[in-house]
């Protein structure tokens, strides 16, 4: 079964590439998807990342809808999700989405890397 450290789901190609390069420079392997639908397809094809970095606002399938699908899948729901958002997502909504952590855009690189390290250092 293919694995990577991070599945990065974001519709903004430049930002997605910058985040992927940042993570790869830290030694992580990254798989990318341009929206939640593609992200789910990657996961359902047997790809198992250790953490998912998910944008909240995207066309085709947004972060909230992605999480609604992920919660229903036992394998996917076990993967921690770091939600990235420029929108103000209330804590209750983030809790309902079962996200492990929420970070605001623009991304604070230090906070972001610390969050990723936290979830990648936990045993699977």
PDB file of N, CA and C in Angstrom:
ATOM      1  N   UNK A   1       0.850  -1.188   0.000  1.00  0.00           N
ATOM      2  CA  UNK A   1       0.000   0.000   0.000  1.00  0.00           C
ATOM      3  C   UNK A   1       0.892   1.247   0.000  1.00  0.00           C
ATOM      4  N   UNK A   2       0.672   2.180  -0.932  1.00  0.00           N
ATOM      5  CA  UNK A   2       1.530   3.367  -0.962  1.00  0.00           C
ATOM      6  C   UNK A   2       1.310   4.244   0.268  1.00  0.00           C
ATOM      7  N   UNK A   3       2.383   4.844   0.741  1.00  0.00           N
ATOM      8  CA  UNK A   3       2.278   5.740   1.884  1.00  0.00           C
ATOM      9  C   UNK A   3       3.058   7.017   1.607  1.00  0.00           C
ATOM     10  N   UNK A   4       2.720   8.034   2.333  1.00  0.00           N
ATOM     11  CA  UNK A   4       3.507   9.261   2.367  1.00  0.00           C
ATOM     12  C   UNK A   4       3.327   9.810   3.765  1.00  0.00           C
ATOM     13  N   UNK A   5       4.130  10.766   4.110  1.00  0.00           N
ATOM     14  CA  UNK A   5       3.955  11.391   5.405  1.00  0.00           C
ATOM     15  C   UNK A   5       2.723  12.287   5.399  1.00  0.00           C
ATOM     16  N   UNK A   6       2.538  13.038   4.284  1.00  0.00           N
ATOM     17  CA  UNK A   6       1.496  14.065   4.233  1.00  0.00           C
ATOM     18  C   UNK A   6       0.704  13.979   2.932  1.00  0.00           C
ATOM     19  N   UNK A   7      -0.628  14.081   3.051  1.00  0.00           N
ATOM     20  CA  UNK A   7      -1.488  14.320   1.892  1.00  0.00           C
ATOM     21  C   UNK A   7      -1.906  15.774   2.008  1.00  0.00           C
ATOM     22  N   UNK A   8      -1.517  16.576   1.032  1.00  0.00           N
ATOM     23  CA  UNK A   8      -1.783  18.015   1.020  1.00  0.00           C
ATOM     24  C   UNK A   8      -2.913  18.294   0.039  1.00  0.00           C
ATOM     25  N   UNK A   9      -4.029  18.832   0.548  1.00  0.00           N
ATOM     26  CA  UNK A   9      -5.204  19.107  -0.281  1.00  0.00           C
ATOM     27  C   UNK A   9      -5.473  20.611  -0.257  1.00  0.00           C
ATOM     28  N   UNK A  10      -5.214  21.275  -1.381  1.00  0.00           N
ATOM     29  CA  UNK A  10      -5.420  22.728  -1.487  1.00  0.00           C
ATOM     30  C   UNK A  10      -5.621  23.070  -2.955  1.00  0.00           C
ATOM     31  N   UNK A  11      -6.581  23.945  -3.236  1.00  0.00           N
ATOM     32  CA  UNK A  11      -6.888  24.286  -4.627  1.00  0.00           C
ATOM     33  C   UNK A  11      -5.948  25.318  -5.229  1.00  0.00           C
ATOM     34  N   UNK A  12      -5.172  26.011  -4.424  1.00  0.00           N
ATOM     35  CA  UNK A  12      -4.282  27.051  -4.921  1.00  0.00           C
ATOM     36  C   UNK A  12      -2.929  26.426  -5.292  1.00  0.00           C
ATOM     37  N   UNK A  13      -2.646  26.258  -6.614  1.00  0.00           N
ATOM     38  CA  UNK A  13      -1.438  25.525  -7.023  1.00  0.00           C
ATOM     39  C   UNK A  13      -0.136  26.104  -6.471  1.00  0.00           C
ATOM     40  N   UNK A  14       0.012  27.435  -6.478  1.00  0.00           N
ATOM     41  CA  UNK A  14       1.260  28.032  -6.007  1.00  0.00           C
ATOM     42  C   UNK A  14       1.462  27.776  -4.513  1.00  0.00           C
ATOM     43  N   UNK A  15       0.403  27.958  -3.733  1.00  0.00           N
ATOM     44  CA  UNK A  15       0.496  27.718  -2.291  1.00  0.00           C
ATOM     45  C   UNK A  15       0.749  26.235  -2.016  1.00  0.00           C
ATOM     46  N   UNK A  16       0.040  25.390  -2.727  1.00  0.00           N
ATOM     47  CA  UNK A  16       0.209  23.944  -2.548  1.00  0.00           C
ATOM     48  C   UNK A  16       1.658  23.543  -2.830  1.00  0.00           C
ATOM     49  N   UNK A  17       2.224  24.069  -3.900  1.00  0.00           N
ATOM     50  CA  UNK A  17       3.606  23.746  -4.255  1.00  0.00           C
ATOM     51  C   UNK A  17       4.581  24.278  -3.209  1.00  0.00           C
ATOM     52  N   UNK A  18       4.338  25.486  -2.706  1.00  0.00           N
ATOM     53  CA  UNK A  18       5.211  26.062  -1.669  1.00  0.00           C
ATOM     54  C   UNK A  18       5.173  25.225  -0.392  1.00  0.00           C
ATOM     55  N   UNK A  19       3.977  24.812   0.020  1.00  0.00           N
ATOM     56  CA  UNK A  19       3.843  23.990   1.228  1.00  0.00           C
ATOM     57  C   UNK A  19       4.521  22.640   1.005  1.00  0.00           C
ATOM     58  N   UNK A  20       4.315  22.052  -0.168  1.00  0.00           N
ATOM     59  CA  UNK A  20       4.944  20.762  -0.469  1.00  0.00           C
ATOM     60  C   UNK A  20       6.467  20.887  -0.419  1.00  0.00           C
ATOM     61  N   UNK A  21       7.010  21.940  -1.012  1.00  0.00           N
ATOM     62  CA  UNK A  21       8.460  22.148  -0.998  1.00  0.00           C
ATOM     63  C   UNK A  21       8.971  22.344   0.425  1.00  0.00           C
ATOM     64  N   UNK A  22       8.231  23.104   1.232  1.00  0.00           N
ATOM     65  CA  UNK A  22       8.607  23.314   2.634  1.00  0.00           C
ATOM     66  C   UNK A  22       8.667  21.972   3.368  1.00  0.00           C
ATOM     67  N   UNK A  23       7.618  21.174   3.218  1.00  0.00           N
ATOM     68  CA  UNK A  23       7.560  19.883   3.898  1.00  0.00           C
ATOM     69  C   UNK A  23       8.665  18.936   3.398  1.00  0.00           C
ATOM     70  N   UNK A  24       8.880  18.931   2.097  1.00  0.00           N
ATOM     71  CA  UNK A  24       9.923  18.075   1.527  1.00  0.00           C
ATOM     72  C   UNK A  24      11.308  18.516   1.991  1.00  0.00           C
ATOM     73  N   UNK A  25      11.509  19.826   2.168  1.00  0.00           N
ATOM     74  CA  UNK A  25      12.802  20.317   2.667  1.00  0.00           C
ATOM     75  C   UNK A  25      13.047  19.880   4.112  1.00  0.00           C
ATOM     76  N   UNK A  26      11.955  19.529   4.811  1.00  0.00           N
ATOM     77  CA  UNK A  26      12.056  19.021   6.182  1.00  0.00           C
ATOM     78  C   UNK A  26      12.190  17.493   6.200  1.00  0.00           C
ATOM     79  N   UNK A  27      12.209  16.886   5.006  1.00  0.00           N
ATOM     80  CA  UNK A  27      12.410  15.449   4.909  1.00  0.00           C
ATOM     81  C   UNK A  27      11.138  14.623   4.802  1.00  0.00           C
ATOM     82  N   UNK A  28       9.984  15.266   4.656  1.00  0.00           N
ATOM     83  CA  UNK A  28       8.723  14.545   4.549  1.00  0.00           C
ATOM     84  C   UNK A  28       8.397  14.231   3.094  1.00  0.00           C
ATOM     85  N   UNK A  29       7.665  13.157   2.873  1.00  0.00           N
ATOM     86  CA  UNK A  29       7.147  12.863   1.547  1.00  0.00           C
ATOM     87  C   UNK A  29       5.729  13.415   1.475  1.00  0.00           C
ATOM     88  N   UNK A  30       5.393  13.998   0.335  1.00  0.00           N
ATOM     89  CA  UNK A  30       4.118  14.698   0.184  1.00  0.00           C
ATOM     90  C   UNK A  30       3.408  14.238  -1.082  1.00  0.00           C
ATOM     91  N   UNK A  31       2.127  13.935  -0.954  1.00  0.00           N
ATOM     92  CA  UNK A  31       1.242  13.672  -2.093  1.00  0.00           C
ATOM     93  C   UNK A  31       0.282  14.850  -2.147  1.00  0.00           C
ATOM     94  N   UNK A  32      -0.032  15.349  -3.343  1.00  0.00           N
ATOM     95  CA  UNK A  32      -0.869  16.537  -3.472  1.00  0.00           C
ATOM     96  C   UNK A  32      -2.193  16.246  -4.173  1.00  0.00           C
ATOM     97  N   UNK A  33      -3.222  17.003  -3.769  1.00  0.00           N
ATOM     98  CA  UNK A  33      -4.532  16.959  -4.422  1.00  0.00           C
ATOM     99  C   UNK A  33      -5.070  18.381  -4.500  1.00  0.00           C
ATOM    100  N   UNK A  34      -5.792  18.677  -5.597  1.00  0.00           N
ATOM    101  CA  UNK A  34      -6.275  20.054  -5.812  1.00  0.00           C
ATOM    102  C   UNK A  34      -7.641  20.336  -5.204  1.00  0.00           C
ATOM    103  N   UNK A  35      -8.319  19.310  -4.686  1.00  0.00           N
ATOM    104  CA  UNK A  35      -9.605  19.531  -4.006  1.00  0.00           C
ATOM    105  C   UNK A  35      -9.939  18.294  -3.178  1.00  0.00           C
ATOM    106  N   UNK A  36     -10.964  18.411  -2.367  1.00  0.00           N
ATOM    107  CA  UNK A  36     -11.340  17.318  -1.481  1.00  0.00           C
ATOM    108  C   UNK A  36     -11.737  16.051  -2.211  1.00  0.00           C
ATOM    109  N   UNK A  37     -12.392  16.194  -3.351  1.00  0.00           N
ATOM    110  CA  UNK A  37     -12.831  15.022  -4.125  1.00  0.00           C
ATOM    111  C   UNK A  37     -11.613  14.216  -4.585  1.00  0.00           C
ATOM    112  N   UNK A  38     -10.619  14.897  -5.134  1.00  0.00           N
ATOM    113  CA  UNK A  38      -9.401  14.226  -5.571  1.00  0.00           C
ATOM    114  C   UNK A  38      -8.668  13.629  -4.370  1.00  0.00           C
ATOM    115  N   UNK A  39      -8.660  14.354  -3.257  1.00  0.00           N
ATOM    116  CA  UNK A  39      -8.037  13.842  -2.037  1.00  0.00           C
ATOM    117  C   UNK A  39      -8.680  12.546  -1.576  1.00  0.00           C
ATOM    118  N   UNK A  40     -10.021  12.500  -1.589  1.00  0.00           N
ATOM    119  CA  UNK A  40     -10.727  11.273  -1.211  1.00  0.00           C
ATOM    120  C   UNK A  40     -10.411  10.132  -2.174  1.00  0.00           C
ATOM    121  N   UNK A  41     -10.356  10.442  -3.473  1.00  0.00           N
ATOM    122  CA  UNK A  41     -10.030   9.411  -4.463  1.00  0.00           C
ATOM    123  C   UNK A  41      -8.648   8.819  -4.196  1.00  0.00           C
ATOM    124  N   UNK A  42      -7.688   9.672  -3.854  1.00  0.00           N
ATOM    125  CA  UNK A  42      -6.333   9.206  -3.537  1.00  0.00           C
ATOM    126  C   UNK A  42      -6.378   8.283  -2.317  1.00  0.00           C
ATOM    127  N   UNK A  43      -7.113   8.697  -1.286  1.00  0.00           N
ATOM    128  CA  UNK A  43      -7.208   7.889  -0.071  1.00  0.00           C
ATOM    129  C   UNK A  43      -7.919   6.564  -0.327  1.00  0.00           C
ATOM    130  N   UNK A  44      -8.997   6.599  -1.099  1.00  0.00           N
ATOM    131  CA  UNK A  44      -9.768   5.386  -1.371  1.00  0.00           C
ATOM    132  C   UNK A  44      -9.024   4.426  -2.305  1.00  0.00           C
ATOM    133  N   UNK A  45      -8.003   4.942  -3.001  1.00  0.00           N
ATOM    134  CA  UNK A  45      -7.204   4.072  -3.874  1.00  0.00           C
ATOM    135  C   UNK A  45      -6.168   3.289  -3.069  1.00  0.00           C
ATOM    136  N   UNK A  46      -6.146   3.523  -1.758  1.00  0.00           N
ATOM    137  CA  UNK A  46      -5.233   2.783  -0.899  1.00  0.00           C
ATOM    138  C   UNK A  46      -4.050   3.583  -0.399  1.00  0.00           C
ATOM    139  N   UNK A  47      -3.970   4.862  -0.745  1.00  0.00           N
ATOM    140  CA  UNK A  47      -2.887   5.716  -0.266  1.00  0.00           C
ATOM    141  C   UNK A  47      -3.145   6.053   1.203  1.00  0.00           C
ATOM    142  N   UNK A  48      -2.150   5.848   2.057  1.00  0.00           N
ATOM    143  CA  UNK A  48      -2.348   6.107   3.486  1.00  0.00           C
ATOM    144  C   UNK A  48      -1.286   7.046   4.043  1.00  0.00           C
ATOM    145  N   UNK A  49      -1.589   8.336   4.076  1.00  0.00           N
ATOM    146  CA  UNK A  49      -0.650   9.287   4.678  1.00  0.00           C
ATOM    147  C   UNK A  49      -0.738   9.221   6.205  1.00  0.00           C
ATOM    148  N   UNK A  50       0.248   9.799   6.845  1.00  0.00           N
ATOM    149  CA  UNK A  50       0.241   9.853   8.313  1.00  0.00           C
ATOM    150  C   UNK A  50      -0.531  11.068   8.812  1.00  0.00           C
ATOM    151  N   UNK A  51      -0.650  12.096   7.966  1.00  0.00           N
ATOM    152  CA  UNK A  51      -1.403  13.306   8.305  1.00  0.00           C
ATOM    153  C   UNK A  51      -1.956  13.908   7.013  1.00  0.00           C
ATOM    154  N   UNK A  52      -3.106  14.573   7.132  1.00  0.00           N
ATOM    155  CA  UNK A  52      -3.721  15.276   6.004  1.00  0.00           C
ATOM    156  C   UNK A  52      -3.697  16.767   6.314  1.00  0.00           C
ATOM    157  N   UNK A  53      -3.185  17.557   5.383  1.00  0.00           N
ATOM    158  CA  UNK A  53      -3.238  19.019   5.480  1.00  0.00           C
ATOM    159  C   UNK A  53      -4.322  19.434   4.500  1.00  0.00           C
ATOM    160  N   UNK A  54      -5.380  20.056   5.025  1.00  0.00           N
ATOM    161  CA  UNK A  54      -6.600  20.295   4.258  1.00  0.00           C
ATOM    162  C   UNK A  54      -6.985  21.766   4.243  1.00  0.00           C
ATOM    163  N   UNK A  55      -7.168  22.309   3.045  1.00  0.00           N
ATOM    164  CA  UNK A  55      -7.702  23.662   2.895  1.00  0.00           C
ATOM    165  C   UNK A  55      -9.198  23.609   3.174  1.00  0.00           C
ATOM    166  N   UNK A  56      -9.747  24.680   3.734  1.00  0.00           N
ATOM    167  CA  UNK A  56     -11.175  24.713   4.051  1.00  0.00           C
ATOM    168  C   UNK A  56     -12.025  25.105   2.847  1.00  0.00           C
ATOM    169  N   UNK A  57     -11.629  26.192   2.163  1.00  0.00           N
ATOM    170  CA  UNK A  57     -12.426  26.702   1.044  1.00  0.00           C
ATOM    171  C   UNK A  57     -11.810  26.274  -0.287  1.00  0.00           C
ATOM    172  N   UNK A  58     -12.514  25.378  -0.996  1.00  0.00           N
ATOM    173  CA  UNK A  58     -12.063  24.884  -2.298  1.00  0.00           C
ATOM    174  C   UNK A  58     -13.277  24.624  -3.176  1.00  0.00           C
ATOM    175  N   UNK A  59     -13.094  24.727  -4.500  1.00  0.00           N
ATOM    176  CA  UNK A  59     -14.171  24.317  -5.402  1.00  0.00           C
ATOM    177  C   UNK A  59     -14.237  22.784  -5.469  1.00  0.00           C
ATOM    178  N   UNK A  60     -15.240  22.262  -6.118  1.00  0.00           N
ATOM    179  CA  UNK A  60     -15.493  20.837  -6.325  1.00  0.00           C
ATOM    180  C   UNK A  60     -15.910  20.175  -5.010  1.00  0.00           C
ATOM    181  N   UNK A  61     -15.005  20.111  -4.012  1.00  0.00           N
ATOM    182  CA  UNK A  61     -15.359  19.604  -2.686  1.00  0.00           C
ATOM    183  C   UNK A  61     -14.529  20.366  -1.667  1.00  0.00           C
ATOM    184  N   UNK A  62     -15.219  21.088  -0.772  1.00  0.00           N
ATOM    185  CA  UNK A  62     -14.511  21.882   0.230  1.00  0.00           C
ATOM    186  C   UNK A  62     -14.070  21.012   1.412  1.00  0.00           C
ATOM    187  N   UNK A  63     -13.347  21.632   2.339  1.00  0.00           N
ATOM    188  CA  UNK A  63     -12.824  20.912   3.486  1.00  0.00           C
ATOM    189  C   UNK A  63     -13.903  20.329   4.380  1.00  0.00           C
ATOM    190  N   UNK A  64     -14.991  21.060   4.559  1.00  0.00           N
ATOM    191  CA  UNK A  64     -16.077  20.573   5.418  1.00  0.00           C
ATOM    192  C   UNK A  64     -16.695  19.307   4.827  1.00  0.00           C
ATOM    193  N   UNK A  65     -16.977  19.319   3.534  1.00  0.00           N
ATOM    194  CA  UNK A  65     -17.556  18.151   2.865  1.00  0.00           C
ATOM    195  C   UNK A  65     -16.570  16.985   2.875  1.00  0.00           C
ATOM    196  N   UNK A  66     -15.290  17.270   2.662  1.00  0.00           N
ATOM    197  CA  UNK A  66     -14.265  16.228   2.736  1.00  0.00           C
ATOM    198  C   UNK A  66     -14.318  15.554   4.106  1.00  0.00           C
ATOM    199  N   UNK A  67     -14.372  16.357   5.158  1.00  0.00           N
ATOM    200  CA  UNK A  67     -14.397  15.806   6.521  1.00  0.00           C
ATOM    201  C   UNK A  67     -15.659  14.980   6.766  1.00  0.00           C
ATOM    202  N   UNK A  68     -16.797  15.416   6.223  1.00  0.00           N
ATOM    203  CA  UNK A  68     -18.034  14.645   6.380  1.00  0.00           C
ATOM    204  C   UNK A  68     -17.872  13.244   5.787  1.00  0.00           C
ATOM    205  N   UNK A  69     -17.199  13.148   4.636  1.00  0.00           N
ATOM    206  CA  UNK A  69     -16.939  11.847   4.010  1.00  0.00           C
ATOM    207  C   UNK A  69     -15.892  11.064   4.809  1.00  0.00           C
ATOM    208  N   UNK A  70     -14.849  11.751   5.246  1.00  0.00           N
ATOM    209  CA  UNK A  70     -13.753  11.090   5.968  1.00  0.00           C
ATOM    210  C   UNK A  70     -14.227  10.463   7.272  1.00  0.00           C
ATOM    211  N   UNK A  71     -15.121  11.147   7.978  1.00  0.00           N
ATOM    212  CA  UNK A  71     -15.637  10.652   9.258  1.00  0.00           C
ATOM    213  C   UNK A  71     -16.327   9.301   9.079  1.00  0.00           C
ATOM    214  N   UNK A  72     -16.950   9.101   7.936  1.00  0.00           N
ATOM    215  CA  UNK A  72     -17.701   7.859   7.674  1.00  0.00           C
ATOM    216  C   UNK A  72     -16.805   6.691   7.285  1.00  0.00           C
ATOM    217  N   UNK A  73     -15.536   6.947   7.008  1.00  0.00           N
ATOM    218  CA  UNK A  73     -14.613   5.906   6.583  1.00  0.00           C
ATOM    219  C   UNK A  73     -13.631   5.614   7.720  1.00  0.00           C
ATOM    220  N   UNK A  74     -13.671   4.399   8.239  1.00  0.00           N
ATOM    221  CA  UNK A  74     -12.881   4.048   9.414  1.00  0.00           C
ATOM    222  C   UNK A  74     -11.385   4.282   9.209  1.00  0.00           C
ATOM    223  N   UNK A  75     -10.853   3.937   8.044  1.00  0.00           N
ATOM    224  CA  UNK A  75      -9.424   4.112   7.799  1.00  0.00           C
ATOM    225  C   UNK A  75      -9.043   5.582   7.671  1.00  0.00           C
ATOM    226  N   UNK A  76      -9.846   6.338   6.937  1.00  0.00           N
ATOM    227  CA  UNK A  76      -9.539   7.758   6.733  1.00  0.00           C
ATOM    228  C   UNK A  76      -9.744   8.538   8.030  1.00  0.00           C
ATOM    229  N   UNK A  77     -10.780   8.214   8.791  1.00  0.00           N
ATOM    230  CA  UNK A  77     -11.078   8.975  10.011  1.00  0.00           C
ATOM    231  C   UNK A  77      -9.978   8.837  11.061  1.00  0.00           C
ATOM    232  N   UNK A  78      -9.122   7.830  10.933  1.00  0.00           N
ATOM    233  CA  UNK A  78      -8.026   7.641  11.884  1.00  0.00           C
ATOM    234  C   UNK A  78      -6.826   8.548  11.577  1.00  0.00           C
ATOM    235  N   UNK A  79      -6.828   9.188  10.402  1.00  0.00           N
ATOM    236  CA  UNK A  79      -5.706  10.040   9.996  1.00  0.00           C
ATOM    237  C   UNK A  79      -5.952  11.460  10.514  1.00  0.00           C
ATOM    238  N   UNK A  80      -4.996  12.033  11.281  1.00  0.00           N
ATOM    239  CA  UNK A  80      -5.186  13.403  11.767  1.00  0.00           C
ATOM    240  C   UNK A  80      -5.258  14.399  10.609  1.00  0.00           C
ATOM    241  N   UNK A  81      -6.149  15.383  10.752  1.00  0.00           N
ATOM    242  CA  UNK A  81      -6.314  16.429   9.735  1.00  0.00           C
ATOM    243  C   UNK A  81      -5.928  17.770  10.328  1.00  0.00           C
ATOM    244  N   UNK A  82      -5.031  18.466   9.631  1.00  0.00           N
ATOM    245  CA  UNK A  82      -4.689  19.854   9.969  1.00  0.00           C
ATOM    246  C   UNK A  82      -5.441  20.721   8.977  1.00  0.00           C
ATOM    247  N   UNK A  83      -6.382  21.507   9.476  1.00  0.00           N
ATOM    248  CA  UNK A  83      -7.210  22.367   8.633  1.00  0.00           C
ATOM    249  C   UNK A  83      -6.543  23.719   8.464  1.00  0.00           C
ATOM    250  N   UNK A  84      -6.363  24.138   7.198  1.00  0.00           N
ATOM    251  CA  UNK A  84      -5.831  25.466   6.879  1.00  0.00           C
ATOM    252  C   UNK A  84      -6.988  26.313   6.384  1.00  0.00           C
ATOM    253  N   UNK A  85      -7.141  27.505   6.947  1.00  0.00           N
ATOM    254  CA  UNK A  85      -8.270  28.311   6.523  1.00  0.00           C
ATOM    255  C   UNK A  85      -8.011  29.805   6.619  1.00  0.00           C
ATOM    256  N   UNK A  86      -8.522  30.521   5.620  1.00  0.00           N
ATOM    257  CA  UNK A  86      -8.526  31.982   5.667  1.00  0.00           C
ATOM    258  C   UNK A  86      -9.846  32.445   6.278  1.00  0.00           C
ATOM    259  N   UNK A  87     -10.812  31.524   6.351  1.00  0.00           N
ATOM    260  CA  UNK A  87     -12.123  31.830   6.933  1.00  0.00           C
ATOM    261  C   UNK A  87     -12.071  31.585   8.433  1.00  0.00           C
ATOM    262  N   UNK A  88     -12.953  32.216   9.136  1.00  0.00           N
ATOM    263  CA  UNK A  88     -13.044  31.993  10.574  1.00  0.00           C
ATOM    264  C   UNK A  88     -13.955  30.793  10.813  1.00  0.00           C
ATOM    265  N   UNK A  89     -13.358  29.642  11.050  1.00  0.00           N
ATOM    266  CA  UNK A  89     -14.123  28.431  11.318  1.00  0.00           C
ATOM    267  C   UNK A  89     -14.269  28.323  12.834  1.00  0.00           C
ATOM    268  N   UNK A  90     -15.498  28.427  13.339  1.00  0.00           N
ATOM    269  CA  UNK A  90     -15.691  28.335  14.786  1.00  0.00           C
ATOM    270  C   UNK A  90     -15.175  27.009  15.338  1.00  0.00           C
ATOM    271  N   UNK A  91     -14.690  27.034  16.565  1.00  0.00           N
ATOM    272  CA  UNK A  91     -14.127  25.842  17.211  1.00  0.00           C
ATOM    273  C   UNK A  91     -15.122  24.685  17.219  1.00  0.00           C
ATOM    274  N   UNK A  92     -16.413  24.995  17.416  1.00  0.00           N
ATOM    275  CA  UNK A  92     -17.425  23.932  17.442  1.00  0.00           C
ATOM    276  C   UNK A  92     -17.518  23.242  16.085  1.00  0.00           C
ATOM    277  N   UNK A  93     -17.444  24.031  15.009  1.00  0.00           N
ATOM    278  CA  UNK A  93     -17.522  23.455  13.661  1.00  0.00           C
ATOM    279  C   UNK A  93     -16.284  22.603  13.397  1.00  0.00           C
ATOM    280  N   UNK A  94     -15.110  23.095  13.790  1.00  0.00           N
ATOM    281  CA  UNK A  94     -13.870  22.330  13.610  1.00  0.00           C
ATOM    282  C   UNK A  94     -13.952  21.023  14.394  1.00  0.00           C
ATOM    283  N   UNK A  95     -14.533  21.073  15.591  1.00  0.00           N
ATOM    284  CA  UNK A  95     -14.698  19.855  16.398  1.00  0.00           C
ATOM    285  C   UNK A  95     -15.648  18.884  15.701  1.00  0.00           C
ATOM    286  N   UNK A  96     -16.745  19.397  15.135  1.00  0.00           N
ATOM    287  CA  UNK A  96     -17.687  18.545  14.399  1.00  0.00           C
ATOM    288  C   UNK A  96     -17.017  17.911  13.180  1.00  0.00           C
ATOM    289  N   UNK A  97     -16.070  18.632  12.589  1.00  0.00           N
ATOM    290  CA  UNK A  97     -15.352  18.130  11.421  1.00  0.00           C
ATOM    291  C   UNK A  97     -14.280  17.112  11.826  1.00  0.00           C
ATOM    292  N   UNK A  98     -14.043  16.987  13.120  1.00  0.00           N
ATOM    293  CA  UNK A  98     -13.052  16.046  13.667  1.00  0.00           C
ATOM    294  C   UNK A  98     -11.626  16.366  13.217  1.00  0.00           C
ATOM    295  N   UNK A  99     -11.335  17.674  13.047  1.00  0.00           N
ATOM    296  CA  UNK A  99      -9.971  18.043  12.679  1.00  0.00           C
ATOM    297  C   UNK A  99      -9.097  18.022  13.938  1.00  0.00           C
ATOM    298  N   UNK A 100      -7.848  17.615  13.751  1.00  0.00           N
ATOM    299  CA  UNK A 100      -6.921  17.527  14.874  1.00  0.00           C
ATOM    300  C   UNK A 100      -6.423  18.911  15.268  1.00  0.00           C
ATOM    301  N   UNK A 101      -6.301  19.786  14.272  1.00  0.00           N
ATOM    302  CA  UNK A 101      -5.846  21.139  14.556  1.00  0.00           C
ATOM    303  C   UNK A 101      -6.245  22.068  13.423  1.00  0.00           C
ATOM    304  N   UNK A 102      -6.312  23.349  13.729  1.00  0.00           N
ATOM    305  CA  UNK A 102      -6.730  24.358  12.755  1.00  0.00           C
ATOM    306  C   UNK A 102      -5.713  25.487  12.760  1.00  0.00           C
ATOM    307  N   UNK A 103      -5.241  25.869  11.565  1.00  0.00           N
ATOM    308  CA  UNK A 103      -4.288  26.969  11.432  1.00  0.00           C
ATOM    309  C   UNK A 103      -4.829  27.973  10.423  1.00  0.00           C
ATOM    310  N   UNK A 104      -4.608  29.240  10.724  1.00  0.00           N
ATOM    311  CA  UNK A 104      -5.106  30.297   9.843  1.00  0.00           C
ATOM    312  C   UNK A 104      -4.106  30.598   8.739  1.00  0.00           C
ATOM    313  N   UNK A 105      -4.654  30.997   7.591  1.00  0.00           N
ATOM    314  CA  UNK A 105      -3.851  31.543   6.496  1.00  0.00           C
ATOM    315  C   UNK A 105      -3.816  33.048   6.681  1.00  0.00           C
ATOM    316  N   UNK A 106      -2.747  33.753   6.372  1.00  0.00           N
ATOM    317  CA  UNK A 106      -1.486  33.204   5.898  1.00  0.00           C
ATOM    318  C   UNK A 106      -0.837  32.323   6.979  1.00  0.00           C
ATOM    319  N   UNK A 107      -0.147  31.314   6.520  1.00  0.00           N
ATOM    320  CA  UNK A 107       0.398  30.288   7.410  1.00  0.00           C
ATOM    321  C   UNK A 107       1.615  30.795   8.164  1.00  0.00           C
ATOM    322  N   UNK A 108       1.602  30.585   9.470  1.00  0.00           N
ATOM    323  CA  UNK A 108       2.782  30.803  10.304  1.00  0.00           C
ATOM    324  C   UNK A 108       3.620  29.533  10.143  1.00  0.00           C
ATOM    325  N   UNK A 109       4.742  29.644   9.453  1.00  0.00           N
ATOM    326  CA  UNK A 109       5.534  28.468   9.096  1.00  0.00           C
ATOM    327  C   UNK A 109       5.957  27.664  10.322  1.00  0.00           C
ATOM    328  N   UNK A 110       6.390  28.344  11.367  1.00  0.00           N
ATOM    329  CA  UNK A 110       6.836  27.641  12.567  1.00  0.00           C
ATOM    330  C   UNK A 110       5.694  26.850  13.209  1.00  0.00           C
ATOM    331  N   UNK A 111       4.523  27.495  13.349  1.00  0.00           N
ATOM    332  CA  UNK A 111       3.357  26.796  13.924  1.00  0.00           C
ATOM    333  C   UNK A 111       2.943  25.621  13.049  1.00  0.00           C
ATOM    334  N   UNK A 112       2.970  25.837  11.741  1.00  0.00           N
ATOM    335  CA  UNK A 112       2.584  24.799  10.803  1.00  0.00           C
ATOM    336  C   UNK A 112       3.507  23.583  10.919  1.00  0.00           C
ATOM    337  N   UNK A 113       4.819  23.825  10.869  1.00  0.00           N
ATOM    338  CA  UNK A 113       5.770  22.715  10.956  1.00  0.00           C
ATOM    339  C   UNK A 113       5.668  21.999  12.299  1.00  0.00           C
ATOM    340  N   UNK A 114       5.441  22.758  13.368  1.00  0.00           N
ATOM    341  CA  UNK A 114       5.274  22.137  14.684  1.00  0.00           C
ATOM    342  C   UNK A 114       4.040  21.236  14.711  1.00  0.00           C
ATOM    343  N   UNK A 115       2.950  21.681  14.096  1.00  0.00           N
ATOM    344  CA  UNK A 115       1.727  20.870  14.052  1.00  0.00           C
ATOM    345  C   UNK A 115       1.975  19.588  13.265  1.00  0.00           C
ATOM    346  N   UNK A 116       2.613  19.710  12.113  1.00  0.00           N
ATOM    347  CA  UNK A 116       2.906  18.532  11.296  1.00  0.00           C
ATOM    348  C   UNK A 116       3.797  17.571  12.081  1.00  0.00           C
ATOM    349  N   UNK A 117       4.852  18.090  12.697  1.00  0.00           N
ATOM    350  CA  UNK A 117       5.774  17.243  13.474  1.00  0.00           C
ATOM    351  C   UNK A 117       5.039  16.534  14.605  1.00  0.00           C
ATOM    352  N   UNK A 118       4.123  17.229  15.255  1.00  0.00           N
ATOM    353  CA  UNK A 118       3.362  16.635  16.354  1.00  0.00           C
ATOM    354  C   UNK A 118       2.631  15.383  15.892  1.00  0.00           C
ATOM    355  N   UNK A 119       1.940  15.473  14.766  1.00  0.00           N
ATOM    356  CA  UNK A 119       1.149  14.339  14.301  1.00  0.00           C
ATOM    357  C   UNK A 119       1.992  13.255  13.643  1.00  0.00           C
ATOM    358  N   UNK A 120       3.124  13.633  13.056  1.00  0.00           N
ATOM    359  CA  UNK A 120       3.976  12.623  12.436  1.00  0.00           C
ATOM    360  C   UNK A 120       4.813  11.878  13.466  1.00  0.00           C
ATOM    361  N   UNK A 121       4.973  12.463  14.649  1.00  0.00           N
ATOM    362  CA  UNK A 121       5.761  11.785  15.671  1.00  0.00           C
ATOM    363  C   UNK A 121       4.928  10.810  16.503  1.00  0.00           C
ATOM    364  N   UNK A 122       3.597  10.879  16.353  1.00  0.00           N
ATOM    365  CA  UNK A 122       2.723   9.958  17.094  1.00  0.00           C
ATOM    366  C   UNK A 122       2.709   8.599  16.404  1.00  0.00           C
ATOM    367  N   UNK A 123       2.723   7.514  17.184  1.00  0.00           N
ATOM    368  CA  UNK A 123       2.651   6.191  16.546  1.00  0.00           C
ATOM    369  C   UNK A 123       1.340   6.002  15.817  1.00  0.00           C
ATOM    370  N   UNK A 124       1.381   5.279  14.729  1.00  0.00           N
ATOM    371  CA  UNK A 124       0.180   5.062  13.908  1.00  0.00           C
ATOM    372  C   UNK A 124      -0.791   4.134  14.613  1.00  0.00           C
TER     373      UNK A 124
END
